[in-house]
């Protein structure tokens, strides 16, 4: 099981930015995918962003154009740059890793992002 440690959450005002980090306990060089989901109170967990081993990315419709996912293989870390934050981005953000397509993902503990004036 891969251990994931998320950081970077916090309280910001609408329009501001945050960068989340997710550090893995093992090399992410050849993993199938890593990414972020989020869950707001009373809502289902939803996709935020995914990055694949070949560098392809995919984003949830609500964050396209505002959020950017990236990876640093040397640090075994992925990042989520969140710009132009909105109140509806408020949620617990969870990092996941799926080493192979056929494997169940491992999850981080989550980090709270609150966007409020």
N, C-alpha and C. Protein backbone atom coordinates (compact mmCIF):
# COMPACT_ATOMS: atom_id res chain seq x y z
N UNK A 1 0.85 -1.19 0.00
CA UNK A 1 0.00 0.00 0.00
C UNK A 1 0.89 1.24 0.00
N UNK A 2 0.57 2.18 -0.91
CA UNK A 2 1.34 3.42 -1.00
C UNK A 2 0.77 4.42 -0.02
N UNK A 3 1.65 5.05 0.74
CA UNK A 3 1.21 6.10 1.66
C UNK A 3 1.24 7.44 0.95
N UNK A 4 0.19 8.22 1.16
CA UNK A 4 0.07 9.54 0.54
C UNK A 4 -0.12 10.58 1.62
N UNK A 5 0.62 11.67 1.51
CA UNK A 5 0.50 12.77 2.47
C UNK A 5 0.18 14.05 1.71
N UNK A 6 -0.99 14.59 1.99
CA UNK A 6 -1.45 15.81 1.34
C UNK A 6 -1.13 17.02 2.20
N UNK A 7 -0.94 18.14 1.56
CA UNK A 7 -0.71 19.40 2.28
C UNK A 7 -1.13 20.56 1.39
N UNK A 8 -1.26 21.73 2.01
CA UNK A 8 -1.52 22.94 1.24
C UNK A 8 -2.93 23.49 1.36
N UNK A 9 -3.81 22.77 2.02
CA UNK A 9 -5.17 23.26 2.16
C UNK A 9 -5.23 24.46 3.10
N UNK A 10 -6.40 25.10 3.13
CA UNK A 10 -6.55 26.25 4.01
C UNK A 10 -7.78 27.06 3.67
N UNK A 11 -7.82 28.24 4.26
CA UNK A 11 -8.94 29.17 4.06
C UNK A 11 -8.46 30.32 3.19
N UNK A 12 -9.18 30.55 2.09
CA UNK A 12 -8.85 31.66 1.20
C UNK A 12 -10.13 32.37 0.81
N UNK A 13 -9.96 33.56 0.24
CA UNK A 13 -11.12 34.32 -0.23
C UNK A 13 -11.40 34.00 -1.69
N UNK A 14 -12.61 34.22 -2.13
CA UNK A 14 -12.94 33.99 -3.55
C UNK A 14 -11.99 34.77 -4.46
N UNK A 15 -11.56 34.10 -5.52
CA UNK A 15 -10.64 34.71 -6.47
C UNK A 15 -9.18 34.45 -6.18
N UNK A 16 -8.88 33.97 -4.99
CA UNK A 16 -7.49 33.70 -4.63
C UNK A 16 -7.07 32.31 -5.11
N UNK A 17 -5.80 31.98 -4.83
CA UNK A 17 -5.23 30.72 -5.30
C UNK A 17 -4.66 29.91 -4.14
N UNK A 18 -4.56 28.61 -4.37
CA UNK A 18 -3.91 27.68 -3.44
C UNK A 18 -3.22 26.61 -4.26
N UNK A 19 -2.18 26.02 -3.68
CA UNK A 19 -1.54 24.87 -4.31
C UNK A 19 -1.50 23.73 -3.32
N UNK A 20 -2.10 22.62 -3.72
CA UNK A 20 -2.06 21.41 -2.92
C UNK A 20 -0.91 20.52 -3.37
N UNK A 21 -0.34 19.79 -2.42
CA UNK A 21 0.71 18.83 -2.72
C UNK A 21 0.30 17.46 -2.19
N UNK A 22 0.78 16.44 -2.86
CA UNK A 22 0.52 15.07 -2.43
C UNK A 22 1.82 14.29 -2.64
N UNK A 23 2.45 13.91 -1.54
CA UNK A 23 3.71 13.19 -1.60
C UNK A 23 3.47 11.70 -1.37
N UNK A 24 4.02 10.89 -2.26
CA UNK A 24 3.88 9.44 -2.17
C UNK A 24 5.10 8.82 -1.50
N UNK A 25 4.88 7.68 -0.85
CA UNK A 25 5.95 7.00 -0.15
C UNK A 25 6.82 6.16 -1.08
N UNK A 26 6.40 6.04 -2.35
CA UNK A 26 7.17 5.26 -3.31
C UNK A 26 7.31 6.06 -4.60
N UNK A 27 8.13 5.55 -5.47
CA UNK A 27 8.33 6.21 -6.75
C UNK A 27 7.03 6.27 -7.55
N UNK A 28 6.79 7.41 -8.17
CA UNK A 28 5.59 7.57 -9.00
C UNK A 28 5.95 7.57 -10.48
N UNK A 29 7.18 7.23 -10.78
CA UNK A 29 7.67 7.35 -12.14
C UNK A 29 6.83 6.56 -13.14
N UNK A 30 6.42 5.36 -12.76
CA UNK A 30 5.71 4.50 -13.73
C UNK A 30 4.31 4.14 -13.29
N UNK A 31 3.75 4.91 -12.38
CA UNK A 31 2.40 4.59 -11.93
C UNK A 31 1.40 4.89 -13.03
N UNK A 32 0.27 4.20 -13.01
CA UNK A 32 -0.75 4.38 -14.04
C UNK A 32 -1.36 5.78 -13.96
N UNK A 33 -1.79 6.18 -12.77
CA UNK A 33 -2.38 7.50 -12.63
C UNK A 33 -2.35 7.96 -11.18
N UNK A 34 -2.38 9.25 -11.02
CA UNK A 34 -2.55 9.90 -9.71
C UNK A 34 -3.48 11.07 -9.93
N UNK A 35 -4.09 11.52 -8.84
CA UNK A 35 -4.95 12.66 -9.03
C UNK A 35 -5.64 13.10 -7.77
N UNK A 36 -6.66 13.91 -7.99
CA UNK A 36 -7.40 14.52 -6.89
C UNK A 36 -8.90 14.36 -7.11
N UNK A 37 -9.57 14.02 -6.03
CA UNK A 37 -11.02 14.08 -5.96
C UNK A 37 -11.36 15.03 -4.81
N UNK A 38 -12.58 15.45 -4.76
CA UNK A 38 -13.02 16.28 -3.64
C UNK A 38 -14.44 15.90 -3.21
N UNK A 39 -14.73 16.21 -1.96
CA UNK A 39 -16.05 15.92 -1.45
C UNK A 39 -16.51 17.06 -0.55
N UNK A 40 -17.61 17.66 -0.93
CA UNK A 40 -18.22 18.72 -0.13
C UNK A 40 -19.28 18.10 0.77
N UNK A 41 -19.62 18.76 1.86
CA UNK A 41 -20.63 18.23 2.77
C UNK A 41 -21.94 17.94 2.06
N UNK A 42 -22.45 16.73 2.26
CA UNK A 42 -23.72 16.36 1.67
C UNK A 42 -23.67 16.02 0.20
N UNK A 43 -22.47 16.00 -0.38
CA UNK A 43 -22.34 15.71 -1.81
C UNK A 43 -21.45 14.49 -2.02
N UNK A 44 -21.59 13.93 -3.22
CA UNK A 44 -20.74 12.79 -3.57
C UNK A 44 -19.33 13.25 -3.90
N UNK A 45 -18.39 12.33 -3.75
CA UNK A 45 -17.02 12.63 -4.14
C UNK A 45 -16.97 12.81 -5.65
N UNK A 46 -16.27 13.85 -6.12
CA UNK A 46 -16.22 14.13 -7.54
C UNK A 46 -14.77 14.29 -8.01
N UNK A 47 -14.58 13.97 -9.27
CA UNK A 47 -13.26 14.09 -9.88
C UNK A 47 -12.85 15.56 -9.98
N UNK A 48 -11.60 15.83 -9.63
CA UNK A 48 -11.03 17.15 -9.84
C UNK A 48 -10.03 17.11 -10.99
N UNK A 49 -9.01 16.25 -10.84
CA UNK A 49 -7.98 16.19 -11.88
C UNK A 49 -7.20 14.89 -11.78
N UNK A 50 -6.75 14.41 -12.94
CA UNK A 50 -5.95 13.19 -13.02
C UNK A 50 -4.74 13.45 -13.90
N UNK A 51 -3.63 12.83 -13.55
CA UNK A 51 -2.47 12.85 -14.43
C UNK A 51 -2.00 11.42 -14.62
N UNK A 52 -1.76 11.05 -15.88
CA UNK A 52 -1.39 9.69 -16.23
C UNK A 52 0.12 9.58 -16.41
N UNK A 53 0.60 8.34 -16.51
CA UNK A 53 2.03 8.10 -16.59
C UNK A 53 2.66 8.76 -17.82
N UNK A 54 1.87 8.92 -18.88
CA UNK A 54 2.42 9.53 -20.09
C UNK A 54 2.27 11.05 -20.09
N UNK A 55 1.80 11.60 -18.98
CA UNK A 55 1.67 13.05 -18.87
C UNK A 55 0.31 13.60 -19.24
N UNK A 56 -0.55 12.75 -19.80
CA UNK A 56 -1.91 13.23 -20.12
C UNK A 56 -2.62 13.64 -18.85
N UNK A 57 -3.49 14.63 -18.98
CA UNK A 57 -4.27 15.10 -17.85
C UNK A 57 -5.76 15.11 -18.20
N UNK A 58 -6.55 15.05 -17.16
CA UNK A 58 -8.00 15.14 -17.33
C UNK A 58 -8.56 15.90 -16.15
N UNK A 59 -9.59 16.72 -16.42
CA UNK A 59 -10.14 17.58 -15.38
C UNK A 59 -11.65 17.46 -15.30
N UNK A 60 -12.17 17.67 -14.10
CA UNK A 60 -13.61 17.78 -13.95
C UNK A 60 -14.09 19.06 -14.62
N UNK A 61 -15.32 19.04 -15.11
CA UNK A 61 -15.83 20.19 -15.85
C UNK A 61 -15.84 21.47 -15.02
N UNK A 62 -16.08 21.34 -13.75
CA UNK A 62 -16.21 22.53 -12.91
C UNK A 62 -14.88 23.24 -12.64
N UNK A 63 -13.77 22.59 -12.93
CA UNK A 63 -12.47 23.20 -12.62
C UNK A 63 -11.63 23.46 -13.87
N UNK A 64 -12.11 23.04 -15.02
CA UNK A 64 -11.34 23.23 -16.25
C UNK A 64 -11.03 24.71 -16.46
N UNK A 65 -9.77 24.98 -16.80
CA UNK A 65 -9.35 26.36 -17.05
C UNK A 65 -8.91 27.09 -15.80
N UNK A 66 -9.19 26.53 -14.62
CA UNK A 66 -8.81 27.19 -13.37
C UNK A 66 -7.78 26.38 -12.59
N UNK A 67 -7.85 25.07 -12.67
CA UNK A 67 -6.96 24.18 -11.92
C UNK A 67 -5.97 23.52 -12.87
N UNK A 68 -4.77 23.27 -12.35
CA UNK A 68 -3.75 22.58 -13.13
C UNK A 68 -3.08 21.53 -12.27
N UNK A 69 -3.02 20.31 -12.79
CA UNK A 69 -2.34 19.23 -12.09
C UNK A 69 -0.97 19.03 -12.72
N UNK A 70 0.02 18.74 -11.88
CA UNK A 70 1.37 18.50 -12.38
C UNK A 70 2.06 17.49 -11.47
N UNK A 71 3.22 17.03 -11.90
CA UNK A 71 3.93 16.03 -11.11
C UNK A 71 5.42 16.32 -11.13
N UNK A 72 6.08 15.92 -10.06
CA UNK A 72 7.54 16.00 -9.95
C UNK A 72 8.00 14.60 -9.58
N UNK A 73 8.45 13.84 -10.57
CA UNK A 73 8.84 12.46 -10.32
C UNK A 73 10.01 12.35 -9.35
N UNK A 74 10.89 13.31 -9.38
CA UNK A 74 12.05 13.27 -8.49
C UNK A 74 11.66 13.37 -7.03
N UNK A 75 10.54 14.05 -6.78
CA UNK A 75 10.06 14.23 -5.40
C UNK A 75 8.90 13.30 -5.07
N UNK A 76 8.51 12.45 -6.02
CA UNK A 76 7.36 11.56 -5.83
C UNK A 76 6.13 12.34 -5.39
N UNK A 77 5.91 13.46 -6.01
CA UNK A 77 4.86 14.38 -5.58
C UNK A 77 4.05 14.88 -6.77
N UNK A 78 2.76 15.01 -6.55
CA UNK A 78 1.92 15.71 -7.51
C UNK A 78 1.38 16.98 -6.86
N UNK A 79 0.99 17.91 -7.72
CA UNK A 79 0.51 19.19 -7.25
C UNK A 79 -0.82 19.51 -7.92
N UNK A 80 -1.60 20.32 -7.23
CA UNK A 80 -2.83 20.85 -7.82
C UNK A 80 -2.82 22.36 -7.60
N UNK A 81 -2.56 23.09 -8.67
CA UNK A 81 -2.61 24.54 -8.60
C UNK A 81 -4.05 24.97 -8.85
N UNK A 82 -4.62 25.65 -7.88
CA UNK A 82 -6.01 26.07 -7.95
C UNK A 82 -6.07 27.60 -8.00
N UNK A 83 -6.52 28.12 -9.11
CA UNK A 83 -6.64 29.56 -9.30
C UNK A 83 -8.11 29.97 -9.36
N UNK A 84 -8.34 31.24 -9.16
CA UNK A 84 -9.70 31.80 -9.26
C UNK A 84 -10.70 30.97 -8.45
N UNK A 85 -10.35 30.72 -7.22
CA UNK A 85 -11.18 29.85 -6.39
C UNK A 85 -12.55 30.47 -6.13
N UNK A 86 -13.53 29.58 -6.05
CA UNK A 86 -14.91 29.98 -5.81
C UNK A 86 -15.42 29.31 -4.54
N UNK A 87 -16.49 29.84 -4.01
CA UNK A 87 -17.07 29.26 -2.80
C UNK A 87 -17.43 27.79 -3.02
N UNK A 88 -17.88 27.47 -4.22
CA UNK A 88 -18.28 26.09 -4.51
C UNK A 88 -17.09 25.12 -4.64
N UNK A 89 -15.87 25.64 -4.55
CA UNK A 89 -14.70 24.77 -4.51
C UNK A 89 -14.42 24.28 -3.10
N UNK A 90 -15.16 24.78 -2.14
CA UNK A 90 -14.98 24.36 -0.76
C UNK A 90 -15.29 22.88 -0.62
N UNK A 91 -14.32 22.13 -0.09
CA UNK A 91 -14.46 20.68 0.03
C UNK A 91 -13.22 20.11 0.71
N UNK A 92 -13.29 18.84 1.04
CA UNK A 92 -12.09 18.10 1.41
C UNK A 92 -11.53 17.51 0.13
N UNK A 93 -10.27 17.76 -0.12
CA UNK A 93 -9.60 17.29 -1.32
C UNK A 93 -8.76 16.06 -0.97
N UNK A 94 -8.98 15.00 -1.74
CA UNK A 94 -8.30 13.73 -1.51
C UNK A 94 -7.38 13.41 -2.68
N UNK A 95 -6.18 13.04 -2.35
CA UNK A 95 -5.23 12.57 -3.35
C UNK A 95 -5.36 11.05 -3.46
N UNK A 96 -5.18 10.54 -4.66
CA UNK A 96 -5.18 9.09 -4.83
C UNK A 96 -4.04 8.68 -5.75
N UNK A 97 -3.68 7.41 -5.67
CA UNK A 97 -2.70 6.83 -6.58
C UNK A 97 -3.18 5.46 -7.02
N UNK A 98 -3.08 5.21 -8.31
CA UNK A 98 -3.42 3.91 -8.87
C UNK A 98 -2.19 3.39 -9.60
N UNK A 99 -1.41 2.52 -8.95
CA UNK A 99 -0.15 2.08 -9.56
C UNK A 99 -0.34 1.38 -10.91
N UNK A 100 -1.38 0.55 -11.00
CA UNK A 100 -1.69 -0.14 -12.25
C UNK A 100 -3.19 -0.03 -12.48
N UNK A 101 -3.60 -0.12 -13.72
CA UNK A 101 -5.00 0.04 -14.06
C UNK A 101 -5.88 -0.96 -13.31
N UNK A 102 -5.38 -2.18 -13.12
CA UNK A 102 -6.20 -3.22 -12.51
C UNK A 102 -6.19 -3.16 -10.99
N UNK A 103 -5.43 -2.25 -10.41
CA UNK A 103 -5.31 -2.17 -8.96
C UNK A 103 -6.26 -1.13 -8.38
N UNK A 104 -6.77 -1.41 -7.19
CA UNK A 104 -7.58 -0.43 -6.50
C UNK A 104 -6.68 0.73 -6.06
N UNK A 105 -7.21 1.94 -6.05
CA UNK A 105 -6.37 3.08 -5.66
C UNK A 105 -6.14 3.15 -4.16
N UNK A 106 -5.05 3.77 -3.78
CA UNK A 106 -4.79 4.15 -2.39
C UNK A 106 -5.13 5.64 -2.25
N UNK A 107 -5.59 6.02 -1.06
CA UNK A 107 -6.05 7.38 -0.84
C UNK A 107 -5.28 8.06 0.28
N UNK A 108 -5.16 9.36 0.17
CA UNK A 108 -4.62 10.15 1.26
C UNK A 108 -5.71 10.45 2.28
N UNK A 109 -5.30 11.17 3.32
CA UNK A 109 -6.22 11.44 4.42
C UNK A 109 -7.14 12.63 4.13
N UNK A 110 -6.83 13.40 3.12
CA UNK A 110 -7.65 14.55 2.75
C UNK A 110 -7.14 15.83 3.36
N UNK A 111 -7.37 16.92 2.64
CA UNK A 111 -7.00 18.25 3.15
C UNK A 111 -8.16 19.20 2.86
N UNK A 112 -8.49 20.01 3.84
CA UNK A 112 -9.66 20.89 3.73
C UNK A 112 -9.30 22.16 2.97
N UNK A 113 -10.13 22.50 2.01
CA UNK A 113 -10.04 23.78 1.30
C UNK A 113 -11.34 24.51 1.53
N UNK A 114 -11.24 25.71 2.06
CA UNK A 114 -12.42 26.53 2.33
C UNK A 114 -12.25 27.87 1.61
N UNK A 115 -13.24 28.20 0.79
CA UNK A 115 -13.22 29.46 0.05
C UNK A 115 -14.39 30.29 0.57
N UNK A 116 -14.06 31.37 1.24
CA UNK A 116 -15.10 32.17 1.88
C UNK A 116 -14.60 33.59 2.10
N UNK A 117 -15.53 34.52 1.96
CA UNK A 117 -15.18 35.91 2.22
C UNK A 117 -15.50 36.28 3.68
